[in-house]
Amino acid sequence: MAHDQAHAQAPAPAVGRPRPAAATRVRRASVLDSARVCAHVFAPMIAQGVVLRRPRLLGLAARRDSARRANALLADLRRTYGAGPLAVSVFGRLVVLPLCAADARAVLGRTPDPFTPANREKRAALDHFEPHALLVTPGPERPGRRRFNEAVLGTPHGAHHLAGTFLDVVREEIATMSSQLAADSVLEWPTFHAAFSRIVRRIVLGDGAAGDRALTKQLDALRADANWAFAHRRRTGIHDRFTARLRTHLDRAEPGCLAAVVAHTDHDDDTDPAGQVPHWLFAYDAAAIAAFNTLTLLAAHPEAAAQAREDLIHRDPADPHVLATAQHLRACVQESLRLWPTTLVILRDAERADQLAPDGAAVAVISSFFHRDRETLDFADRFAPAAWLDGRADPARGIVPFSAGPAACPGRNLVLFTVTAVVDAVLRETAALRPTGRTVLDRDRSLPHTLDHTATRLLAPPAG
């Protein structure tokens, strides 16, 4: 649903006084290097699907490990041009790439002025299904929508005030999923995703939406359009049907779900409460990928799975705060997001000239580049959940799976709680997890930078 500030902002100029022009530190890449960035960084992202993954092209990207190639190119450009921000031409658009963690953090910390999150390409994509979402809101409407999202999602709290109900939902759905696995006890993405989608609909909209797969299919159709951004016309018919269906669930305001919180949360006239909900459903779909990737890591690292089981076995299973404070398991979830970010790129637009970007340029923080930077992280390509406990995965090093700064994801704690609860529930329902088929993560080799979760198969024999 992706706040600390990397650098202090300069005092605002007096009213009526013109802003001084900022001396830029940006270097300009050659035409050839811009073409290399287009071919090896942005083209594979676009092909995979930035808003909704395309399984076949994701599979191709995984076989080629396209993110590793992209990260190697960016490291090479940093050696060539220096660690300062680098401007490249991407399909005719001037895009600035921060190449060091400090610059990436500065851009995220100085949001929304001068770096607005309502980036041109992002708005073109998300206008297909969530035109009024906080993520693409510019100007004076933004603070009210931010306050509303934080209030409903319980941003400051490790456990949402409805966490106990949400935990019950998670365990019910995972128990049902486990009981329905075939005799070979193989857990695959379609089965897991279907269960996770039911969990999300119940958490966001209530039990009455649990079986509303049509709502999810409509949203997925709009997200598929959003992959094309400007290049696909907006389908108002399906958008209107999706919105009407969504409002039916929101109007019901069933107790024990976010829809009820929406109904009872104060808001400004410009907030559009219903317009915020599609993003929660969208962001939770990325959470499903994070959960399945975490299970894949635990299957390949049984000692980490054993520690997760041991940490929780003697604690009250009905207390949601146990999961909110389950440091090792939570660290495993965060580590899956470091290794394979579900947000491939964090976009901003510079609304005025700055040291980090010229006026009007897009700024693209390539998540995987910083999360897998072998020049600054000695654990870059291995599973290291302890890094989240001892400070080595500090956001100052560019590790920002939920973004950072004033536009950091307001649903961070709710998503982490939900994913941790799902992973814990799977561990409780299974005797062990083991990778099978082509799902092999070689512990003696660096982990791939691109993982195709849709091709993952896990042996999950029932417990007991």
Protein backbone atom coordinates (compact mmCIF):
# COMPACT_ATOMS: atom_id res chain seq x y z
CA MET A 1 0.00 0.00 0.00
CA ALA A 2 4.31 1.40 -0.21
CA HIS A 3 9.20 8.48 7.14
CA ASP A 4 12.21 9.51 7.90
CA GLN A 5 13.99 12.21 6.00
CA ALA A 6 17.43 11.54 4.59
CA HIS A 7 18.51 15.18 4.51
CA ALA A 8 17.09 18.28 6.14
CA GLN A 9 15.21 20.47 3.72
CA ALA A 10 16.33 24.04 3.14
CA PRO A 11 14.08 26.72 4.68
CA ALA A 12 11.28 27.84 2.40
CA PRO A 13 11.94 31.18 0.69
CA ALA A 14 9.93 34.17 1.80
CA VAL A 15 6.55 34.62 0.16
CA GLY A 16 6.86 36.46 -3.12
CA ARG A 17 10.62 35.99 -3.33
CA PRO A 18 11.68 33.94 -6.38
CA ARG A 19 13.33 30.62 -5.66
CA PRO A 20 17.01 30.60 -6.51
CA ALA A 21 17.92 28.15 -9.25
CA ALA A 22 19.48 25.01 -7.84
CA ALA A 23 22.93 24.04 -9.04
CA THR A 24 22.45 20.59 -10.48
CA ARG A 25 24.78 17.68 -9.75
CA VAL A 26 23.23 15.59 -12.52
CA ARG A 27 25.46 14.16 -15.23
CA ARG A 28 24.08 13.23 -18.64
CA ALA A 29 24.58 9.73 -20.02
CA SER A 30 25.69 9.17 -23.57
CA VAL A 31 23.17 8.19 -26.21
CA LEU A 32 24.57 4.64 -26.18
CA ASP A 33 24.31 4.33 -22.40
CA SER A 34 20.76 5.70 -22.46
CA ALA A 35 19.90 3.02 -25.00
CA ARG A 36 21.46 0.36 -22.75
CA VAL A 37 19.35 1.56 -19.82
CA CYS A 38 16.20 1.40 -21.96
CA ALA A 39 17.03 -2.11 -23.16
CA HIS A 40 18.27 -3.68 -19.94
CA VAL A 41 16.54 -1.78 -17.11
CA PHE A 42 13.19 -0.38 -18.22
CA ALA A 43 12.16 -2.65 -21.10
CA PRO A 44 12.26 -5.85 -18.97
CA MET A 45 10.24 -4.13 -16.21
CA ILE A 46 7.60 -2.97 -18.65
CA ALA A 47 7.48 -6.39 -20.30
CA GLN A 48 6.92 -8.21 -16.98
CA GLY A 49 4.11 -5.85 -16.07
CA VAL A 50 4.69 -3.10 -13.52
CA VAL A 51 1.07 -3.05 -12.30
CA LEU A 52 0.01 -6.64 -13.03
CA ARG A 53 2.62 -9.31 -13.70
CA ARG A 54 2.48 -11.14 -17.05
CA PRO A 55 3.38 -14.75 -16.13
CA ARG A 56 4.96 -15.77 -19.43
CA LEU A 57 7.15 -12.70 -19.67
CA LEU A 58 7.98 -12.90 -15.97
CA GLY A 59 9.11 -16.48 -16.60
CA LEU A 60 11.33 -15.30 -19.46
CA ALA A 61 12.78 -12.53 -17.27
CA ALA A 62 13.51 -15.08 -14.53
CA ARG A 63 15.26 -17.45 -16.94
CA ARG A 64 17.46 -14.57 -18.13
CA ASP A 65 17.68 -13.12 -14.60
CA SER A 66 16.98 -9.72 -16.14
CA ALA A 67 17.21 -7.83 -12.84
CA ARG A 68 20.78 -9.09 -12.35
CA ARG A 69 21.69 -7.74 -15.80
CA ALA A 70 20.01 -4.42 -15.00
CA ASN A 71 21.78 -4.10 -11.66
CA ALA A 72 25.15 -4.93 -13.22
CA LEU A 73 24.60 -2.23 -15.83
CA LEU A 74 23.72 0.39 -13.21
CA ALA A 75 26.81 -0.54 -11.20
CA ASP A 76 28.90 -0.16 -14.36
CA LEU A 77 27.38 3.27 -15.02
CA ARG A 78 28.19 4.32 -11.45
CA ARG A 79 31.81 3.37 -12.02
CA THR A 80 31.84 5.25 -15.32
CA TYR A 81 30.01 8.45 -14.38
CA GLY A 82 30.48 8.56 -10.63
CA ALA A 83 27.99 8.07 -7.80
CA GLY A 84 25.97 11.22 -8.50
CA PRO A 85 22.54 11.20 -10.19
CA LEU A 86 22.63 10.25 -13.86
CA ALA A 87 20.18 11.56 -16.47
CA VAL A 88 19.19 9.20 -19.29
CA SER A 89 16.70 9.46 -22.12
CA VAL A 90 14.06 6.73 -21.73
CA PHE A 91 11.78 6.48 -24.74
CA GLY A 92 12.04 10.25 -25.17
CA ARG A 93 11.54 11.13 -21.49
CA LEU A 94 14.34 12.61 -19.36
CA VAL A 95 14.77 10.27 -16.38
CA VAL A 96 17.23 10.76 -13.54
CA LEU A 97 18.66 7.64 -11.89
CA PRO A 98 20.04 8.03 -8.36
CA LEU A 99 23.11 5.79 -8.21
CA CYS A 100 23.90 6.04 -4.50
CA ALA A 101 21.68 5.33 -1.52
CA ALA A 102 22.05 8.85 -0.07
CA ASP A 103 20.61 10.42 -3.22
CA ALA A 104 17.78 7.90 -3.39
CA ARG A 105 16.89 8.63 0.22
CA ALA A 106 17.09 12.38 -0.40
CA VAL A 107 14.59 12.13 -3.25
CA LEU A 108 12.18 10.06 -1.15
CA GLY A 109 12.66 12.25 1.89
CA ARG A 110 11.89 15.44 -0.04
CA THR A 111 8.41 14.41 -1.11
CA PRO A 112 6.18 16.05 -2.25
CA ASP A 113 8.33 19.19 -2.67
CA PRO A 114 10.10 19.21 -5.01
CA PHE A 115 9.67 15.51 -5.84
CA THR A 116 5.99 14.73 -6.29
CA PRO A 117 4.87 11.08 -6.15
CA ALA A 118 2.15 12.00 -8.67
CA ASN A 119 4.55 11.13 -11.46
CA ARG A 120 3.26 11.50 -15.04
CA GLU A 121 3.69 7.84 -16.02
CA LYS A 122 2.34 6.58 -12.72
CA ARG A 123 -0.79 8.71 -13.07
CA ALA A 124 -1.32 7.49 -16.62
CA ALA A 125 -1.18 3.90 -15.37
CA LEU A 126 -3.21 4.19 -12.18
CA ASP A 127 -5.87 6.41 -13.75
CA HIS A 128 -7.19 3.19 -15.29
CA PHE A 129 -8.50 1.95 -11.93
CA GLU A 130 -7.70 4.35 -9.06
CA PRO A 131 -7.61 7.94 -10.34
CA HIS A 132 -8.22 9.42 -6.88
CA ALA A 133 -5.82 7.24 -4.90
CA LEU A 134 -3.37 8.90 -2.52
CA LEU A 135 -0.42 7.56 -4.51
CA VAL A 136 -1.21 9.77 -7.51
CA THR A 137 -2.73 12.74 -5.70
CA PRO A 138 -0.94 16.06 -6.27
CA GLY A 139 -1.35 19.40 -4.56
CA PRO A 140 -3.69 20.45 -1.75
CA GLU A 141 -5.84 17.28 -1.76
CA ARG A 142 -2.90 15.12 -0.74
CA PRO A 143 -2.66 15.85 3.03
CA GLY A 144 -6.33 15.02 3.67
CA ARG A 145 -6.11 11.77 1.74
CA ARG A 146 -2.91 10.87 3.56
CA ARG A 147 -4.56 11.45 6.95
CA PHE A 148 -7.53 9.33 5.93
CA ASN A 149 -5.37 6.43 4.74
CA GLU A 150 -3.28 6.52 7.90
CA ALA A 151 -6.40 6.56 10.10
CA VAL A 152 -8.08 3.61 8.37
CA LEU A 153 -4.94 1.51 7.92
CA GLY A 154 -3.61 2.15 11.43
CA THR A 155 -0.26 3.38 10.12
CA PRO A 156 1.47 4.05 13.47
CA HIS A 157 0.50 0.70 15.01
CA GLY A 158 2.25 -2.64 14.67
CA ALA A 159 -1.11 -4.35 15.05
CA HIS A 160 -4.29 -2.80 13.63
CA HIS A 161 -7.14 -2.52 16.11
CA LEU A 162 -8.95 -5.23 14.09
CA ALA A 163 -5.86 -7.46 13.98
CA GLY A 164 -7.52 -10.19 16.06
CA THR A 165 -10.35 -10.50 13.53
CA PHE A 166 -7.89 -10.40 10.64
CA LEU A 167 -5.84 -13.17 12.24
CA ASP A 168 -8.93 -15.37 12.49
CA VAL A 169 -9.67 -14.75 8.80
CA VAL A 170 -6.12 -15.68 7.81
CA ARG A 171 -6.12 -18.92 9.76
CA GLU A 172 -9.56 -19.97 8.51
CA GLU A 173 -8.63 -19.46 4.87
CA ILE A 174 -5.18 -21.07 5.12
CA ALA A 175 -6.67 -24.09 6.93
CA THR A 176 -9.23 -24.45 4.15
CA MET A 177 -6.53 -24.11 1.49
CA SER A 178 -4.36 -26.75 3.17
CA SER A 179 -7.23 -29.20 3.45
CA GLN A 180 -7.92 -28.84 -0.26
CA LEU A 181 -4.40 -29.56 -1.51
CA ALA A 182 -4.13 -32.57 -3.77
CA ALA A 183 -2.85 -35.88 -2.47
CA ASP A 184 0.70 -34.95 -3.46
CA SER A 185 0.53 -31.94 -1.05
CA VAL A 186 2.04 -29.60 -3.61
CA LEU A 187 1.33 -25.92 -3.05
CA GLU A 188 1.39 -23.81 -6.22
CA TRP A 189 0.83 -20.13 -6.89
CA PRO A 190 -2.74 -20.33 -8.27
CA THR A 191 -3.97 -22.19 -5.17
CA PHE A 192 -2.12 -19.88 -2.79
CA HIS A 193 -3.19 -16.74 -4.64
CA ALA A 194 -6.85 -17.75 -4.59
CA ALA A 195 -6.71 -18.23 -0.81
CA PHE A 196 -4.85 -14.96 -0.30
CA SER A 197 -7.38 -13.11 -2.46
CA ARG A 198 -10.23 -14.38 -0.24
CA ILE A 199 -8.29 -13.18 2.79
CA VAL A 200 -7.86 -9.72 1.26
CA ARG A 201 -11.51 -9.38 0.28
CA ARG A 202 -12.58 -10.36 3.80
CA ILE A 203 -10.10 -8.01 5.50
CA VAL A 204 -10.91 -5.03 3.28
CA LEU A 205 -14.60 -5.55 2.48
CA GLY A 206 -15.93 -8.19 4.89
CA ASP A 207 -17.09 -11.81 4.77
CA GLY A 208 -19.81 -10.86 2.29
CA ALA A 209 -17.07 -10.23 -0.30
CA ALA A 210 -15.12 -13.44 0.34
CA GLY A 211 -16.41 -15.21 -2.76
CA ASP A 212 -16.63 -12.16 -5.01
CA ARG A 213 -14.03 -13.30 -7.54
CA ALA A 214 -15.74 -11.13 -10.17
CA LEU A 215 -14.61 -8.02 -8.30
CA THR A 216 -11.01 -9.23 -8.36
CA LYS A 217 -11.24 -10.17 -12.05
CA GLN A 218 -12.57 -6.72 -12.92
CA LEU A 219 -9.73 -5.08 -11.01
CA ASP A 220 -7.19 -7.37 -12.69
CA ALA A 221 -8.56 -6.44 -16.11
CA LEU A 222 -8.12 -2.76 -15.30
CA ARG A 223 -4.64 -3.40 -13.91
CA ALA A 224 -3.72 -5.21 -17.13
CA ASP A 225 -4.77 -2.05 -19.00
CA ALA A 226 -2.70 0.00 -16.57
CA ASN A 227 0.44 -1.89 -17.60
CA TRP A 228 0.16 0.04 -20.88
CA ALA A 229 -0.34 3.44 -19.19
CA PHE A 230 -0.81 6.07 -21.94
CA ALA A 231 -0.91 3.44 -24.69
CA HIS A 232 -4.27 1.92 -23.67
CA ARG A 233 -7.56 3.75 -23.67
CA ARG A 234 -9.39 3.94 -20.37
CA ARG A 235 -12.29 1.46 -20.35
CA THR A 236 -14.95 3.43 -18.53
CA GLY A 237 -17.51 0.62 -18.80
CA ILE A 238 -15.56 -1.95 -16.81
CA HIS A 239 -14.31 0.76 -14.46
CA ASP A 240 -17.87 1.84 -13.70
CA ARG A 241 -18.96 -1.77 -13.11
CA PHE A 242 -16.00 -2.37 -10.82
CA THR A 243 -16.68 0.85 -8.89
CA ALA A 244 -20.38 0.01 -8.49
CA ARG A 245 -19.56 -3.49 -7.26
CA LEU A 246 -16.97 -2.14 -4.84
CA ARG A 247 -19.39 0.46 -3.46
CA THR A 248 -21.95 -2.25 -2.76
CA HIS A 249 -19.49 -3.87 -0.36
CA LEU A 250 -18.40 -0.55 1.12
CA ASP A 251 -21.99 0.56 1.70
CA ARG A 252 -22.60 -2.63 3.65
CA ALA A 253 -19.79 -1.53 6.04
CA GLU A 254 -19.67 -4.97 7.58
CA PRO A 255 -18.27 -4.89 11.13
CA GLY A 256 -14.76 -6.26 11.54
CA CYS A 257 -13.30 -5.11 8.22
CA LEU A 258 -11.70 -1.98 6.79
CA ALA A 259 -14.95 -0.99 5.07
CA ALA A 260 -16.49 -0.42 8.51
CA VAL A 261 -13.52 1.72 9.52
CA VAL A 262 -13.92 3.71 6.30
CA ALA A 263 -17.56 4.38 7.15
CA HIS A 264 -16.67 5.76 10.57
CA THR A 265 -13.54 7.77 9.75
CA ASP A 266 -13.79 11.53 9.37
CA HIS A 267 -12.51 12.94 6.11
CA ASP A 268 -12.28 16.11 4.02
CA ASP A 269 -14.72 16.79 1.20
CA ASP A 270 -12.00 16.04 -1.37
CA THR A 271 -10.83 12.75 0.14
CA ASP A 272 -13.09 10.35 -1.83
CA PRO A 273 -12.96 7.47 0.67
CA ALA A 274 -14.16 4.86 -1.83
CA GLY A 275 -11.50 6.05 -4.26
CA GLN A 276 -8.76 4.98 -1.83
CA VAL A 277 -9.87 1.36 -1.56
CA PRO A 278 -8.78 0.08 -5.02
CA HIS A 279 -5.19 0.81 -4.08
CA TRP A 280 -5.46 -1.28 -0.95
CA LEU A 281 -6.69 -4.22 -3.00
CA PHE A 282 -3.89 -3.61 -5.55
CA ALA A 283 -1.19 -3.34 -2.89
CA TYR A 284 -2.38 -6.46 -1.11
CA ASP A 285 -1.86 -8.40 -4.35
CA ALA A 286 1.84 -7.52 -4.13
CA ALA A 287 1.70 -8.75 -0.53
CA ALA A 288 0.58 -12.15 -1.83
CA ILE A 289 3.75 -12.34 -3.92
CA ALA A 290 5.85 -11.38 -0.88
CA ALA A 291 4.17 -14.09 1.21
CA PHE A 292 4.74 -16.80 -1.40
CA ASN A 293 8.36 -15.72 -1.89
CA THR A 294 8.87 -15.87 1.89
CA LEU A 295 7.54 -19.44 1.93
CA THR A 296 9.91 -20.27 -0.92
CA LEU A 297 12.85 -18.93 1.08
CA LEU A 298 11.80 -20.84 4.19
CA ALA A 299 11.45 -24.03 2.14
CA ALA A 300 15.02 -23.57 0.92
CA HIS A 301 16.29 -22.63 4.40
CA PRO A 302 14.66 -25.14 6.80
CA GLU A 303 16.67 -23.87 9.76
CA ALA A 304 14.99 -20.45 9.37
CA ALA A 305 11.56 -22.12 9.18
CA ALA A 306 12.39 -24.15 12.31
CA GLN A 307 13.37 -20.99 14.18
CA ALA A 308 10.11 -19.31 13.14
CA ARG A 309 8.12 -22.27 14.46
CA GLU A 310 10.14 -22.35 17.68
CA ASP A 311 9.79 -18.62 18.30
CA LEU A 312 6.00 -18.82 18.23
CA ILE A 313 5.21 -22.27 19.63
CA HIS A 314 5.19 -21.24 23.30
CA ARG A 315 3.31 -17.97 22.80
CA ASP A 316 -0.43 -17.36 22.78
CA PRO A 317 -1.55 -18.19 19.22
CA ALA A 318 -4.71 -16.10 19.60
CA ASP A 319 -2.85 -12.89 20.46
CA PRO A 320 -2.28 -10.81 17.30
CA HIS A 321 0.44 -8.81 19.05
CA VAL A 322 2.53 -11.98 19.11
CA LEU A 323 2.75 -11.86 15.32
CA ALA A 324 3.22 -8.10 15.26
CA THR A 325 6.32 -8.60 17.41
CA ALA A 326 7.54 -11.88 15.87
CA GLN A 327 10.92 -10.43 14.97
CA HIS A 328 12.47 -13.39 13.16
CA LEU A 329 9.44 -14.24 11.04
CA ARG A 330 8.82 -10.59 10.25
CA ALA A 331 12.48 -10.26 9.27
CA CYS A 332 12.07 -13.21 6.88
CA VAL A 333 9.17 -11.41 5.22
CA GLN A 334 11.16 -8.19 4.93
CA GLU A 335 14.10 -10.12 3.54
CA SER A 336 11.93 -11.56 0.77
CA LEU A 337 10.98 -7.98 -0.12
CA ARG A 338 14.62 -6.96 -0.16
CA LEU A 339 15.66 -9.85 -2.38
CA TRP A 340 12.70 -9.53 -4.76
CA PRO A 341 11.00 -6.11 -4.42
CA THR A 342 7.37 -6.16 -5.46
CA THR A 343 7.69 -2.47 -6.34
CA LEU A 344 10.16 -2.60 -9.20
CA VAL A 345 10.73 1.15 -9.42
CA ILE A 346 9.76 4.12 -7.24
CA LEU A 347 8.87 7.12 -9.41
CA ARG A 348 8.88 10.84 -8.68
CA ASP A 349 8.66 13.96 -10.86
CA ALA A 350 10.78 17.03 -10.14
CA GLU A 351 8.44 20.01 -9.98
CA ARG A 352 11.30 22.49 -9.89
CA ALA A 353 15.02 22.41 -10.56
CA ASP A 354 17.08 20.78 -7.85
CA GLN A 355 20.60 19.47 -7.32
CA LEU A 356 19.24 15.97 -7.89
CA ALA A 357 17.12 16.58 -10.99
CA PRO A 358 16.25 19.32 -13.50
CA ASP A 359 12.76 20.77 -13.56
CA GLY A 360 10.21 18.41 -15.13
CA ALA A 361 12.42 15.31 -15.13
CA ALA A 362 11.24 11.99 -13.82
CA VAL A 363 13.31 10.38 -11.07
CA ALA A 364 13.44 6.56 -10.92
CA VAL A 365 14.71 4.77 -7.84
CA ILE A 366 15.44 1.22 -9.04
CA SER A 367 14.62 -0.84 -5.95
CA SER A 368 16.58 -3.98 -6.78
CA PHE A 369 19.75 -2.03 -7.55
CA PHE A 370 20.03 -0.76 -4.00
CA HIS A 371 18.65 -3.92 -2.37
CA ARG A 372 21.29 -6.02 -4.17
CA ASP A 373 24.20 -3.57 -4.23
CA ARG A 374 27.23 -5.81 -3.74
CA GLU A 375 29.49 -2.78 -3.34
CA THR A 376 27.73 -1.72 -0.14
CA LEU A 377 25.99 -4.87 1.17
CA ASP A 378 28.05 -7.92 2.13
CA PHE A 379 24.81 -9.95 2.24
CA ALA A 380 23.44 -8.66 -1.07
CA ASP A 381 22.77 -11.99 -2.77
CA ARG A 382 22.00 -14.30 0.13
CA PHE A 383 19.11 -14.83 2.51
CA ALA A 384 20.02 -12.82 5.62
CA PRO A 385 17.00 -12.11 7.83
CA ALA A 386 19.35 -11.22 10.69
CA ALA A 387 20.26 -8.06 8.74
CA TRP A 388 16.83 -6.69 9.67
CA LEU A 389 17.54 -7.25 13.36
CA ASP A 390 21.10 -5.94 13.63
CA GLY A 391 20.74 -2.75 11.55
CA ARG A 392 22.54 -3.87 8.38
CA ALA A 393 19.30 -3.51 6.38
CA ASP A 394 18.92 0.09 7.44
CA PRO A 395 16.89 2.29 5.04
CA ALA A 396 19.87 4.66 4.87
CA ARG A 397 21.51 2.00 2.72
CA GLY A 398 18.75 2.31 0.15
CA ILE A 399 16.71 -0.70 1.30
CA VAL A 400 13.17 0.68 1.07
CA PRO A 401 10.63 -2.07 0.22
CA PHE A 402 7.80 0.22 1.34
CA SER A 403 9.37 3.43 0.00
CA ALA A 404 10.43 6.02 2.59
CA GLY A 405 9.89 9.59 3.63
CA PRO A 406 6.53 11.41 3.78
CA ALA A 407 5.09 9.25 0.98
CA ALA A 408 6.09 5.92 2.52
CA CYS A 409 3.39 3.26 2.31
CA PRO A 410 0.71 4.00 4.94
CA GLY A 411 -0.25 0.31 4.92
CA ARG A 412 3.25 -0.94 5.76
CA ASN A 413 2.45 -2.33 9.22
CA LEU A 414 -0.89 -3.80 8.15
CA VAL A 415 0.71 -5.54 5.17
CA LEU A 416 3.60 -6.86 7.25
CA PHE A 417 1.16 -8.15 9.86
CA THR A 418 -1.02 -9.86 7.26
CA VAL A 419 1.87 -11.48 5.40
CA THR A 420 3.50 -12.61 8.65
CA ALA A 421 0.17 -14.10 9.77
CA VAL A 422 -0.25 -15.94 6.46
CA VAL A 423 3.27 -17.39 6.56
CA ASP A 424 2.80 -18.41 10.20
CA ALA A 425 -0.53 -20.08 9.36
CA VAL A 426 1.06 -22.09 6.54
CA LEU A 427 3.85 -23.21 8.87
CA ARG A 428 1.26 -24.30 11.45
CA GLU A 429 -0.71 -26.27 8.85
CA THR A 430 2.29 -28.10 7.37
CA ALA A 431 4.77 -30.60 8.74
CA ALA A 432 7.52 -29.12 6.56
CA LEU A 433 8.06 -27.07 3.44
CA ARG A 434 10.35 -28.24 0.66
CA PRO A 435 10.92 -26.88 -2.84
CA THR A 436 10.06 -29.26 -5.65
CA GLY A 437 10.24 -29.35 -9.43
CA ARG A 438 12.26 -26.48 -10.85
CA THR A 439 11.92 -24.47 -7.64
CA VAL A 440 15.51 -24.78 -6.47
CA LEU A 441 17.37 -22.01 -4.67
CA ASP A 442 20.98 -23.15 -4.40
CA ARG A 443 22.27 -22.04 -1.01
CA ASP A 444 25.86 -22.26 -2.22
CA ARG A 445 25.28 -19.78 -5.01
CA SER A 446 24.01 -16.21 -5.03
CA LEU A 447 20.23 -15.99 -5.11
CA PRO A 448 18.70 -14.90 -8.42
CA HIS A 449 17.75 -11.25 -8.77
CA THR A 450 14.55 -12.21 -10.65
CA LEU A 451 12.21 -14.87 -9.26
CA ASP A 452 9.15 -16.23 -11.05
CA HIS A 453 6.72 -16.85 -8.20
CA THR A 454 4.12 -18.16 -10.64
CA ALA A 455 6.33 -21.18 -11.39
CA THR A 456 7.13 -21.99 -7.75
CA ARG A 457 6.05 -25.40 -6.41
CA LEU A 458 6.37 -26.31 -2.72
CA LEU A 459 5.83 -29.64 -1.00
CA ALA A 460 3.57 -28.87 1.96
CA PRO A 461 2.54 -32.13 3.70
CA PRO A 462 -0.09 -31.61 6.40
CA ALA A 463 0.96 -31.34 10.04
CA GLY A 464 0.03 -34.10 12.47
